[in-house]
C-alpha cells in the first residue's frame, strides 16, 4: 500500500482534482459553478476541506481523506469476503483489490470515488449484518450508510436495486429473522431519506447531456469494465494451486474446495449485483439517452464486486490450507506488476498540470506575454463562455490550482465560430506585437489551436516547439524568427 497508495500522493493534480481545489478555495456558491450543479451537490467536499484546514493546502492534504476511505473500504471488503465466501478469504480479497488499478487510483485521488466505494462497502456490510441478526442497530447503520451513498455521487443509484433484491431474496428464503413488515419499514425509511436527492437528480437531469464527456459506449467497453481478467486469473490460479499438496495437511482439507457462499443464492445475488448491475445500468442509460456517462471513474463503485466475484471463483477450487499461500503469491504478483518500478516516485495520474505550469516559468515570460488557455472543461462553450470570462472561474480551475506567468488569453473547450472570430482578432492585433506567446492546456484542446495559429499568415516567420513531457498536458511556445526557444528540461 505504501508504493501503490501513499507514494503518489504528492504528485500533480489531474484536471478534476483542480476542480476540487477550486471549490474549496472559492466555495460551492461561486457564480461560475452554476453550470455544474451535479458536481457541487456531493457531500464529499467536507472531507478535503477538513484535511486542508488541518494539514495545509497541498496535494497530499487533499488526498488523505481518500486514502483513509479506501483503507476502511478494504477492511470492509475483506470482512464481506470472510462472511460470504470463506473465513480465510480475507487476505486474498485484500490483495485482489490491490490488483485493480482503479481501486489504487481512487485511494490517491482527491475526488468523491474512494468515499463512494467506502460507503457502498459499509452499506453492504451493515445490510448483511442486519439481515443476519435482525437487530435495529444494524438496520440503522444500513439506512445511514445507504442514505449517504447517493449524496456522494448521483451515478450510484443502481446499487439501491441490489440492496432491495438482496433483502427480498433473504426474506423470501427465510434466511433472516427480519420479516416482510420489518424489511418494508427499513426500506421505507431509506426511501424517505433519499427523496431530497431524487428531487435534486430529477431537476438536474434535463441538462445532464451538457456534462457528458464521452460518446455512447461500445459493447467492448462494457466487456472491459467487468474486469474479467482478474476473475479468470484468480480462478485459474486457485485451480493450479489446488493441484499442490502441502505437507502436513489432512486429506480432507486438501481435497475439499472451500467456497462457502453462505446462503449461496443470496450471497451470489449480492456479489453478482454489486459486480454487474452498475456497469449494465450505466451502459444501458448511456446508450438509450446518448448521454455518455459510462466512464471508469463512475464505474469504480462496482470494482469491489468484481473482486468478490474473483475470490468466489477462486474459492470453488481452493482447499482451506492454501488460502494463505494464495494470498501471498497474489500480493507478490500485485507488487511486481502494479508498482511502477521504472520510476522512483510513481505519479497518481498522467496529467501533470503542475509540471506544465512550471515549464511556463522556465520560459521567463513577461507579465504581458500572452498565454492562450483553451478550457479543458466540456461546459466551457458559448454562451456560458466568452472571451471576457472572469477569472478565477470553474472553466479554468487548473489556473487557480497552479498559477502561471504571463497574461492568460481564454478560449473555450472546442473550436467554434465565436472562438475563431476571437482568435483571428488575436492574430491581427495582439500576438504580432509580442516576441513570443504560449498555448497551455489539455493536449486535445491545444493541438488544433497550435496548428491553426501556425497556419495563420500573420504569424509567418514564427516557429513553435511543443513540450509534451507532461502526459496529456501540453505547452507550445511560439517565438518570432529572431527569438530563441529555451531547451526542454528532459
Protein backbone atom coordinates (compact mmCIF):
# COMPACT_ATOMS: atom_id res chain seq x y z
CA UNK A 1 0.00 0.00 0.00
CA UNK A 2 2.89 2.37 0.59
CA UNK A 3 4.05 2.06 -3.02
CA UNK A 4 0.57 1.94 -4.56
CA UNK A 5 -1.34 4.43 -2.41
CA UNK A 6 1.00 6.68 -0.44
CA UNK A 7 3.94 7.44 -2.72
CA UNK A 8 1.76 9.04 -5.47
CA UNK A 9 0.12 11.45 -3.02
CA UNK A 10 2.49 14.36 -3.68
CA UNK A 11 2.25 14.26 -7.49
CA UNK A 12 0.36 16.78 -9.59
CA UNK A 13 -3.41 17.08 -9.54
CA UNK A 14 -5.22 15.82 -12.60
CA UNK A 15 -7.93 18.02 -14.08
CA UNK A 16 -10.89 17.11 -11.88
CA UNK A 17 -8.74 17.40 -8.77
CA UNK A 18 -8.01 21.02 -9.72
CA UNK A 19 -11.77 21.49 -9.58
CA UNK A 20 -11.78 20.10 -6.02
CA UNK A 21 -9.15 22.67 -5.08
CA UNK A 22 -11.10 25.43 -6.83
CA UNK A 23 -14.30 24.59 -4.96
CA UNK A 24 -12.51 24.61 -1.62
CA UNK A 25 -10.78 27.90 -2.43
CA UNK A 26 -13.92 29.72 -3.58
CA UNK A 27 -16.82 27.84 -2.03
CA UNK A 28 -19.78 25.99 -3.59
CA UNK A 29 -21.69 29.25 -4.16
CA UNK A 30 -19.13 30.70 -6.54
CA UNK A 31 -21.17 32.03 -9.51
CA UNK A 32 -19.03 30.16 -12.05
CA UNK A 33 -20.15 26.82 -10.55
CA UNK A 34 -23.78 27.34 -11.54
CA UNK A 35 -23.12 25.44 -14.80
CA UNK A 36 -22.14 22.26 -12.89
CA UNK A 37 -24.76 21.72 -10.15
CA UNK A 38 -24.36 17.93 -10.24
CA UNK A 39 -20.72 18.21 -9.16
CA UNK A 40 -21.22 20.71 -6.37
CA UNK A 41 -24.03 18.61 -4.87
CA UNK A 42 -21.68 15.96 -3.41
CA UNK A 43 -21.17 15.81 0.35
CA UNK A 44 -17.61 14.62 -0.30
CA UNK A 45 -16.02 18.08 -0.24
CA UNK A 46 -16.35 18.46 3.52
CA UNK A 47 -13.60 15.83 3.92
CA UNK A 48 -10.78 17.52 1.95
CA UNK A 49 -11.87 20.84 3.47
CA UNK A 50 -11.27 19.41 6.95
CA UNK A 51 -7.98 17.83 5.86
CA UNK A 52 -6.68 21.06 4.32
CA UNK A 53 -7.62 23.00 7.45
CA UNK A 54 -5.52 20.56 9.49
CA UNK A 55 -2.54 19.93 7.22
CA UNK A 56 -2.36 22.92 4.88
CA UNK A 57 -3.11 23.43 1.20
CA UNK A 58 -1.20 20.69 -0.63
CA UNK A 59 -1.88 17.74 -2.91
CA UNK A 60 -1.20 15.35 -0.02
CA UNK A 61 -3.72 17.05 2.25
CA UNK A 62 -6.43 16.94 -0.41
CA UNK A 63 -5.86 13.23 -1.00
CA UNK A 64 -5.55 11.97 2.57
CA UNK A 65 -9.33 11.50 3.04
CA UNK A 66 -9.39 9.18 0.04
CA UNK A 67 -6.56 7.09 1.49
CA UNK A 68 -8.48 6.74 4.74
CA UNK A 69 -11.75 5.95 2.94
CA UNK A 70 -10.15 3.25 0.80
CA UNK A 71 -8.40 1.71 3.81
CA UNK A 72 -11.80 1.39 5.52
CA UNK A 73 -13.31 0.04 2.30
CA UNK A 74 -10.54 -2.55 2.07
CA UNK A 75 -11.26 -3.72 5.61
CA UNK A 76 -14.99 -3.99 4.91
CA UNK A 77 -14.43 -5.88 1.66
CA UNK A 78 -12.23 -8.41 3.45
CA UNK A 79 -14.91 -8.84 6.12
CA UNK A 80 -17.55 -9.40 3.45
CA UNK A 81 -15.31 -11.97 1.73
CA UNK A 82 -14.90 -13.81 5.03
CA UNK A 83 -18.65 -13.74 5.67
CA UNK A 84 -19.89 -14.58 2.18
CA UNK A 85 -17.14 -16.81 0.76
CA UNK A 86 -14.84 -18.31 3.40
CA UNK A 87 -13.39 -17.19 6.77
CA UNK A 88 -9.85 -17.43 5.39
CA UNK A 89 -10.56 -15.48 2.19
CA UNK A 90 -9.96 -12.00 3.66
CA UNK A 91 -6.29 -11.52 2.80
CA UNK A 92 -6.83 -12.92 -0.68
CA UNK A 93 -9.63 -10.38 -1.20
CA UNK A 94 -7.40 -7.56 0.06
CA UNK A 95 -4.65 -8.32 -2.44
CA UNK A 96 -7.22 -8.83 -5.20
CA UNK A 97 -8.37 -5.26 -4.51
CA UNK A 98 -4.81 -4.01 -4.93
CA UNK A 99 -4.63 -5.88 -8.26
CA UNK A 100 -7.14 -3.43 -9.76
CA UNK A 101 -5.59 -0.14 -10.85
CA UNK A 102 -8.97 1.56 -10.44
CA UNK A 103 -9.03 0.85 -6.72
CA UNK A 104 -5.46 2.06 -6.25
CA UNK A 105 -6.27 5.16 -8.30
CA UNK A 106 -9.22 6.02 -6.03
CA UNK A 107 -7.01 5.81 -2.95
CA UNK A 108 -4.79 8.68 -4.14
CA UNK A 109 -7.50 10.77 -5.80
CA UNK A 110 -8.96 14.00 -4.40
CA UNK A 111 -12.37 13.14 -5.81
CA UNK A 112 -15.52 11.51 -4.35
CA UNK A 113 -14.96 7.98 -5.67
CA UNK A 114 -12.98 6.49 -2.77
CA UNK A 115 -15.59 7.75 -0.34
CA UNK A 116 -18.29 6.27 -2.58
CA UNK A 117 -16.59 2.86 -2.56
CA UNK A 118 -16.18 3.04 1.21
CA UNK A 119 -19.81 3.94 1.86
CA UNK A 120 -21.03 1.32 -0.64
CA UNK A 121 -18.99 -1.35 1.17
CA UNK A 122 -20.34 -0.12 4.51
CA UNK A 123 -23.89 -0.27 3.14
CA UNK A 124 -23.48 -3.88 2.05
CA UNK A 125 -21.75 -4.83 5.29
CA UNK A 126 -24.50 -3.42 7.51
CA UNK A 127 -27.19 -4.81 5.21
CA UNK A 128 -25.74 -8.30 5.62
CA UNK A 129 -25.35 -7.87 9.39
CA UNK A 130 -28.88 -6.53 9.75
CA UNK A 131 -30.36 -9.47 7.84
CA UNK A 132 -28.16 -11.89 9.81
CA UNK A 133 -29.22 -10.58 13.21
CA UNK A 134 -32.49 -8.72 12.68
CA UNK A 135 -31.30 -6.03 15.10
CA UNK A 136 -32.40 -2.41 14.74
CA UNK A 137 -28.88 -1.17 15.38
CA UNK A 138 -27.57 -2.74 12.18
CA UNK A 139 -30.67 -1.57 10.32
CA UNK A 140 -29.98 1.99 11.49
CA UNK A 141 -26.38 1.88 10.27
CA UNK A 142 -27.51 0.41 6.95
CA UNK A 143 -30.01 3.26 6.48
CA UNK A 144 -27.34 5.77 7.47
CA UNK A 145 -24.74 4.43 5.02
CA UNK A 146 -27.16 3.80 2.15
CA UNK A 147 -28.78 7.19 2.69
CA UNK A 148 -25.37 8.82 2.37
CA UNK A 149 -24.28 6.89 -0.73
CA UNK A 150 -26.40 8.72 -3.31
CA UNK A 151 -25.39 12.03 -1.76
CA UNK A 152 -21.77 11.30 -2.69
CA UNK A 153 -22.40 10.82 -6.42
CA UNK A 154 -25.62 10.74 -8.42
CA UNK A 155 -24.47 7.83 -10.62
CA UNK A 156 -24.57 5.37 -7.71
CA UNK A 157 -28.31 4.69 -7.99
CA UNK A 158 -28.02 1.12 -9.42
CA UNK A 159 -26.70 -0.18 -6.09
CA UNK A 160 -30.06 0.50 -4.45
CA UNK A 161 -31.57 -2.15 -6.73
CA UNK A 162 -29.03 -4.65 -5.36
CA UNK A 163 -29.82 -3.67 -1.76
CA UNK A 164 -33.52 -4.26 -2.32
CA UNK A 165 -33.19 -7.52 -4.26
CA UNK A 166 -30.78 -8.99 -1.72
CA UNK A 167 -33.15 -8.21 1.15
CA UNK A 168 -36.15 -9.63 -0.76
CA UNK A 169 -34.35 -12.90 -1.55
CA UNK A 170 -33.17 -13.42 2.02
CA UNK A 171 -36.60 -12.68 3.47
CA UNK A 172 -38.34 -14.88 0.89
CA UNK A 173 -35.92 -17.76 1.58
CA UNK A 174 -36.29 -17.27 5.33
CA UNK A 175 -32.57 -16.70 5.76
CA UNK A 176 -33.13 -13.83 8.19
CA UNK A 177 -35.04 -13.06 11.38
CA UNK A 178 -36.35 -9.94 9.62
CA UNK A 179 -39.78 -10.42 8.09
CA UNK A 180 -41.60 -8.63 5.31
CA UNK A 181 -43.09 -5.91 7.50
CA UNK A 182 -39.78 -5.24 9.22
CA UNK A 183 -37.97 -5.09 5.88
CA UNK A 184 -40.62 -2.81 4.39
CA UNK A 185 -40.21 -0.39 7.30
CA UNK A 186 -36.43 -0.24 6.87
CA UNK A 187 -36.62 0.42 3.14
CA UNK A 188 -39.45 2.91 3.60
CA UNK A 189 -37.26 4.95 5.96
CA UNK A 190 -34.37 4.69 3.48
CA UNK A 191 -36.65 5.79 0.64
CA UNK A 192 -37.83 8.80 2.60
CA UNK A 193 -34.23 9.77 3.32
CA UNK A 194 -33.46 9.64 -0.42
CA UNK A 195 -36.41 11.76 -1.59
CA UNK A 196 -34.46 15.07 -1.49
CA UNK A 197 -31.65 13.50 -3.53
CA UNK A 198 -34.15 12.14 -6.05
CA UNK A 199 -35.76 15.54 -6.49
CA UNK A 200 -32.35 17.12 -6.99
CA UNK A 201 -31.37 14.47 -9.54
CA UNK A 202 -34.62 14.97 -11.48
CA UNK A 203 -34.02 18.73 -11.52
CA UNK A 204 -30.52 18.26 -12.92
CA UNK A 205 -31.47 15.51 -15.42
CA UNK A 206 -32.63 17.80 -18.28
CA UNK A 207 -29.17 19.37 -18.53
CA UNK A 208 -27.23 16.12 -17.99
CA UNK A 209 -26.26 15.83 -21.66
CA UNK A 210 -24.34 19.12 -21.42
CA UNK A 211 -21.93 17.44 -18.98
CA UNK A 212 -21.40 14.16 -20.88
CA UNK A 213 -17.71 13.79 -21.68
CA UNK A 214 -17.93 10.57 -23.65
CA UNK A 215 -19.91 9.25 -26.62
CA UNK A 216 -22.31 6.33 -26.07
CA UNK A 217 -20.19 3.33 -25.05
CA UNK A 218 -19.37 0.33 -27.22
CA UNK A 219 -20.02 -3.25 -26.13
CA UNK A 220 -16.27 -3.72 -25.93
CA UNK A 221 -16.14 -1.06 -23.23
CA UNK A 222 -18.83 -2.86 -21.26
CA UNK A 223 -16.85 -6.10 -21.50
CA UNK A 224 -13.66 -4.39 -20.32
CA UNK A 225 -15.46 -2.76 -17.39
CA UNK A 226 -16.29 -6.16 -15.88
CA UNK A 227 -12.63 -6.90 -15.03
CA UNK A 228 -12.96 -10.48 -16.19
CA UNK A 229 -9.19 -10.75 -16.38
CA UNK A 230 -8.93 -10.62 -12.58
CA UNK A 231 -11.76 -13.11 -12.18
CA UNK A 232 -10.21 -15.58 -14.64
CA UNK A 233 -6.68 -15.24 -13.28
CA UNK A 234 -7.84 -15.84 -9.71
CA UNK A 235 -9.89 -18.84 -10.77
CA UNK A 236 -7.13 -20.43 -12.83
CA UNK A 237 -4.52 -19.63 -10.18
CA UNK A 238 -6.63 -21.27 -7.47
CA UNK A 239 -7.16 -24.34 -9.63
CA UNK A 240 -3.42 -24.67 -10.25
CA UNK A 241 -2.68 -24.26 -6.55
CA UNK A 242 -5.26 -26.91 -5.70
CA UNK A 243 -3.11 -29.44 -7.57
CA UNK A 244 -0.38 -28.84 -4.97
CA UNK A 245 -0.50 -30.92 -1.80
CA UNK A 246 1.10 -29.04 1.12
CA UNK A 247 2.88 -31.19 3.61
CA UNK A 248 1.07 -31.76 6.86
CA UNK A 249 -2.44 -31.04 5.63
CA UNK A 250 -5.12 -33.65 6.09
CA UNK A 251 -6.59 -35.42 3.12
CA UNK A 252 -9.98 -33.85 3.72
CA UNK A 253 -8.53 -30.39 3.95
CA UNK A 254 -6.57 -30.94 0.75
CA UNK A 255 -9.47 -32.22 -1.29
CA UNK A 256 -12.48 -30.10 -0.36
CA UNK A 257 -12.95 -26.75 -2.07
CA UNK A 258 -13.70 -24.05 0.43
CA UNK A 259 -16.16 -21.71 -1.23
CA UNK A 260 -18.89 -21.22 1.30
CA UNK A 261 -21.19 -18.61 -0.19
CA UNK A 262 -23.26 -18.86 2.96
CA UNK A 263 -26.90 -18.93 1.89
CA UNK A 264 -25.44 -19.32 -1.59
CA UNK A 265 -28.27 -17.84 -3.67
CA UNK A 266 -28.50 -14.62 -1.73
CA UNK A 267 -24.71 -14.28 -1.48
CA UNK A 268 -24.36 -14.86 -5.21
CA UNK A 269 -27.02 -12.20 -5.81
CA UNK A 270 -25.18 -9.65 -3.65
CA UNK A 271 -21.81 -10.32 -5.26
CA UNK A 272 -23.15 -10.56 -8.80
CA UNK A 273 -25.34 -7.49 -8.39
CA UNK A 274 -22.54 -5.39 -6.94
CA UNK A 275 -20.27 -6.54 -9.77
CA UNK A 276 -22.60 -6.36 -12.78
CA UNK A 277 -25.61 -4.14 -12.19
CA UNK A 278 -23.85 -0.77 -12.01
CA UNK A 279 -21.97 -1.22 -15.32
CA UNK A 280 -25.04 -2.67 -17.03
CA UNK A 281 -27.34 0.12 -15.87
CA UNK A 282 -24.96 2.94 -16.78
CA UNK A 283 -24.24 1.27 -20.11
CA UNK A 284 -27.94 0.99 -20.92
CA UNK A 285 -28.64 4.55 -19.79
CA UNK A 286 -25.75 5.91 -21.88
CA UNK A 287 -26.86 4.02 -24.98
CA UNK A 288 -30.54 4.90 -24.68
CA UNK A 289 -30.11 8.55 -23.75
CA UNK A 290 -26.97 9.40 -25.78
CA UNK A 291 -25.67 10.83 -22.51
CA UNK A 292 -22.24 9.21 -22.25
CA UNK A 293 -21.64 8.72 -18.53
CA UNK A 294 -20.06 5.28 -18.95
CA UNK A 295 -16.71 6.42 -17.52
CA UNK A 296 -14.20 4.42 -15.47
CA UNK A 297 -14.48 6.76 -12.51
CA UNK A 298 -18.28 6.46 -12.42
CA UNK A 299 -17.98 2.66 -12.52
CA UNK A 300 -15.42 2.49 -9.72
CA UNK A 301 -18.05 1.72 -7.09
CA UNK A 302 -18.57 -1.69 -8.79
CA UNK A 303 -14.92 -2.76 -8.55
CA UNK A 304 -15.28 -4.44 -5.11
CA UNK A 305 -17.99 -6.58 -6.66
CA UNK A 306 -15.51 -7.75 -9.29
CA UNK A 307 -13.04 -8.53 -6.50
CA UNK A 308 -15.60 -10.62 -4.60
CA UNK A 309 -16.52 -12.41 -7.83
CA UNK A 310 -12.84 -13.26 -8.36
CA UNK A 311 -12.49 -14.52 -4.78
CA UNK A 312 -15.69 -16.57 -5.17
CA UNK A 313 -14.40 -18.28 -8.29
CA UNK A 314 -11.08 -18.97 -6.57
CA UNK A 315 -12.99 -20.45 -3.65
CA UNK A 316 -14.56 -23.14 -5.82
CA UNK A 317 -11.10 -24.69 -6.20
CA UNK A 318 -9.19 -23.57 -3.11
CA UNK A 319 -8.53 -26.12 -0.33
CA UNK A 320 -8.55 -24.47 3.11
CA UNK A 321 -4.80 -24.89 3.67
CA UNK A 322 -3.94 -22.83 0.60
CA UNK A 323 -5.72 -19.52 1.19
CA UNK A 324 -2.72 -18.01 2.95
CA UNK A 325 -0.23 -19.18 0.32
CA UNK A 326 -2.53 -17.98 -2.46
CA UNK A 327 -2.84 -14.57 -0.85
CA UNK A 328 0.94 -14.31 -0.51
CA UNK A 329 1.51 -15.21 -4.15
CA UNK A 330 -1.16 -12.76 -5.28
CA UNK A 331 0.34 -10.00 -3.13
CA UNK A 332 3.83 -10.52 -4.56
CA UNK A 333 2.44 -10.50 -8.09
CA UNK A 334 0.49 -7.31 -7.47
CA UNK A 335 3.53 -5.53 -6.06
CA UNK A 336 5.69 -6.55 -9.01
CA UNK A 337 3.16 -5.71 -11.70
CA UNK A 338 1.48 -2.62 -10.26
CA UNK A 339 4.40 -0.86 -8.57
CA UNK A 340 5.54 1.37 -11.49
CA UNK A 341 9.11 0.31 -10.80
CA UNK A 342 10.53 2.23 -13.74
CA UNK A 343 10.22 5.45 -11.75
CA UNK A 344 11.40 6.25 -8.24
CA UNK A 345 8.19 8.06 -7.28
CA UNK A 346 5.06 6.88 -9.12
CA UNK A 347 2.62 9.55 -10.28
CA UNK A 348 -1.04 9.48 -9.44
CA UNK A 349 -2.12 10.45 -12.94
CA UNK A 350 -0.51 11.05 -16.31
CA UNK A 351 -1.84 14.65 -16.35
CA UNK A 352 0.99 16.77 -14.94
CA UNK A 353 -0.59 20.22 -14.71
CA UNK A 354 1.92 21.31 -12.09
CA UNK A 355 4.92 20.39 -14.25
CA UNK A 356 3.43 22.11 -17.29
CA UNK A 357 2.77 25.29 -15.32
CA UNK A 358 6.36 25.22 -14.04
CA UNK A 359 7.58 24.91 -17.64
CA UNK A 360 5.97 28.25 -18.41
CA UNK A 361 8.05 29.81 -15.65
CA UNK A 362 11.17 28.29 -17.20
CA UNK A 363 10.47 30.38 -20.31
CA UNK A 364 10.80 33.56 -18.24
CA UNK A 365 7.61 35.04 -19.68
CA UNK A 366 6.99 38.73 -19.10
CA UNK A 367 3.75 39.70 -17.30
CA UNK A 368 2.11 40.81 -20.57
CA UNK A 369 3.17 37.78 -22.65
CA UNK A 370 0.01 36.09 -23.97
CA UNK A 371 -0.62 32.54 -22.74
CA UNK A 372 -3.53 31.08 -24.71
CA UNK A 373 -5.56 28.75 -22.48
CA UNK A 374 -8.28 26.60 -24.08
CA UNK A 375 -10.55 25.41 -21.31
CA UNK A 376 -10.29 21.65 -20.63
CA UNK A 377 -13.84 21.60 -19.21
CA UNK A 378 -16.64 20.49 -21.53
CA UNK A 379 -19.05 23.09 -20.22
CA UNK A 380 -16.83 25.94 -21.49
CA UNK A 381 -18.97 26.72 -24.52
CA UNK A 382 -20.87 29.81 -25.63
CA UNK A 383 -22.98 31.36 -24.22
CA UNK A 384 -21.59 30.35 -20.79
CA UNK A 385 -18.10 31.05 -22.11
CA UNK A 386 -16.97 34.33 -23.60
CA UNK A 387 -13.54 35.97 -24.17
CA UNK A 388 -14.20 38.16 -21.10
CA UNK A 389 -14.92 35.20 -18.82
CA UNK A 390 -13.99 36.27 -15.31
CA UNK A 391 -11.05 34.65 -13.56
CA UNK A 392 -10.87 32.80 -11.25
CA UNK A 393 -13.63 30.59 -12.60
CA UNK A 394 -14.66 26.94 -12.92
CA UNK A 395 -13.78 26.73 -16.62
CA UNK A 396 -10.14 27.44 -15.75
CA UNK A 397 -9.85 25.76 -12.36
CA UNK A 398 -6.37 24.49 -13.27
CA UNK A 399 -5.12 28.09 -13.43
CA UNK A 400 -6.30 28.59 -9.87
CA UNK A 401 -4.63 25.40 -8.62
CA UNK A 402 -1.36 26.07 -10.47
CA UNK A 403 -0.92 29.78 -11.32
CA UNK A 404 1.01 30.58 -14.47
CA UNK A 405 3.12 33.56 -15.58
CA UNK A 406 2.13 35.84 -18.44
CA UNK A 407 -1.34 37.07 -19.35
CA UNK A 408 -3.98 34.31 -19.79
CA UNK A 409 -5.94 34.54 -23.04
CA UNK A 410 -9.06 32.43 -22.66
CA UNK A 411 -10.51 30.12 -25.30
CA UNK A 412 -13.44 27.67 -24.99
CA UNK A 413 -13.34 23.89 -24.80
CA UNK A 414 -13.62 23.41 -28.56
CA UNK A 415 -13.23 25.45 -31.69
CA UNK A 416 -16.41 27.36 -32.51
CA UNK A 417 -17.33 30.34 -34.73
CA UNK A 418 -17.10 32.67 -31.74
CA UNK A 419 -13.71 31.23 -30.78
CA UNK A 420 -12.36 31.55 -34.33
CA UNK A 421 -13.54 35.14 -34.55
CA UNK A 422 -11.77 35.97 -31.29
CA UNK A 423 -8.60 34.08 -32.27
CA UNK A 424 -8.50 35.95 -35.59
CA UNK A 425 -8.51 39.23 -33.70
CA UNK A 426 -5.65 37.91 -31.57
CA UNK A 427 -3.50 37.09 -34.61
CA UNK A 428 -4.12 40.50 -36.16
CA UNK A 429 -3.96 42.83 -33.18
CA UNK A 430 -2.37 41.17 -30.11
CA UNK A 431 0.11 38.43 -30.96
CA UNK A 432 2.20 40.18 -33.65
CA UNK A 433 3.04 42.90 -31.16
CA UNK A 434 4.83 40.36 -28.95
CA UNK A 435 8.06 38.44 -29.47
CA UNK A 436 6.53 35.21 -28.17
CA UNK A 437 3.36 33.63 -26.87
CA UNK A 438 2.40 30.22 -25.47
CA UNK A 439 -0.51 27.80 -25.64
CA UNK A 440 -1.17 25.81 -22.48
CA UNK A 441 -3.75 23.11 -21.75
CA UNK A 442 -5.08 19.63 -22.39
CA UNK A 443 -3.44 18.18 -25.49
CA UNK A 444 -6.75 17.54 -27.27
CA UNK A 445 -7.55 21.23 -26.95
CA UNK A 446 -4.04 22.54 -27.62
CA UNK A 447 -3.25 20.52 -30.76
CA UNK A 448 -5.90 22.05 -33.09
CA UNK A 449 -5.16 25.57 -31.88
CA UNK A 450 -1.41 25.04 -32.34
CA UNK A 451 -1.99 24.00 -35.94
CA UNK A 452 -4.43 26.85 -36.54
CA UNK A 453 -2.09 29.55 -35.25
CA UNK A 454 0.89 28.02 -37.09
CA UNK A 455 -1.02 28.31 -40.38
CA UNK A 456 -2.01 31.96 -39.94
CA UNK A 457 -0.37 34.32 -42.47
CA UNK A 458 0.01 36.97 -39.76
CA UNK A 459 2.44 34.62 -37.97
CA UNK A 460 4.55 33.72 -40.99
CA UNK A 461 8.18 33.52 -39.96
CA UNK A 462 7.32 32.39 -36.43
CA UNK A 463 8.44 28.98 -35.13
CA UNK A 464 6.96 26.84 -32.41
CA UNK A 465 8.02 23.97 -30.14
CA UNK A 466 5.69 21.56 -28.36
CA UNK A 467 6.62 20.47 -24.83
CA UNK A 468 4.69 17.23 -24.35
CA UNK A 469 6.56 15.60 -21.48
CA UNK A 470 3.70 16.36 -19.09
CA UNK A 471 1.43 13.48 -20.04
CA UNK A 472 -1.73 14.73 -21.72
CA UNK A 473 -0.96 18.35 -20.82
CA UNK A 474 0.91 20.31 -23.47
CA UNK A 475 2.80 23.57 -23.58
CA UNK A 476 3.50 25.10 -27.00
CA UNK A 477 5.84 28.08 -27.29
CA UNK A 478 5.65 30.32 -30.37
CA UNK A 479 8.55 32.71 -30.99
CA UNK A 480 9.31 35.27 -33.63
CA UNK A 481 12.02 34.15 -36.04
CA UNK A 482 14.75 36.18 -34.37
CA UNK A 483 13.95 34.93 -30.90
CA UNK A 484 15.22 31.69 -29.35
CA UNK A 485 13.33 28.78 -27.87
CA UNK A 486 14.50 27.61 -24.44
CA UNK A 487 15.67 23.99 -24.29
CA UNK A 488 13.47 21.38 -22.63
CA UNK A 489 14.27 20.01 -19.19
CA UNK A 490 14.23 16.37 -20.35
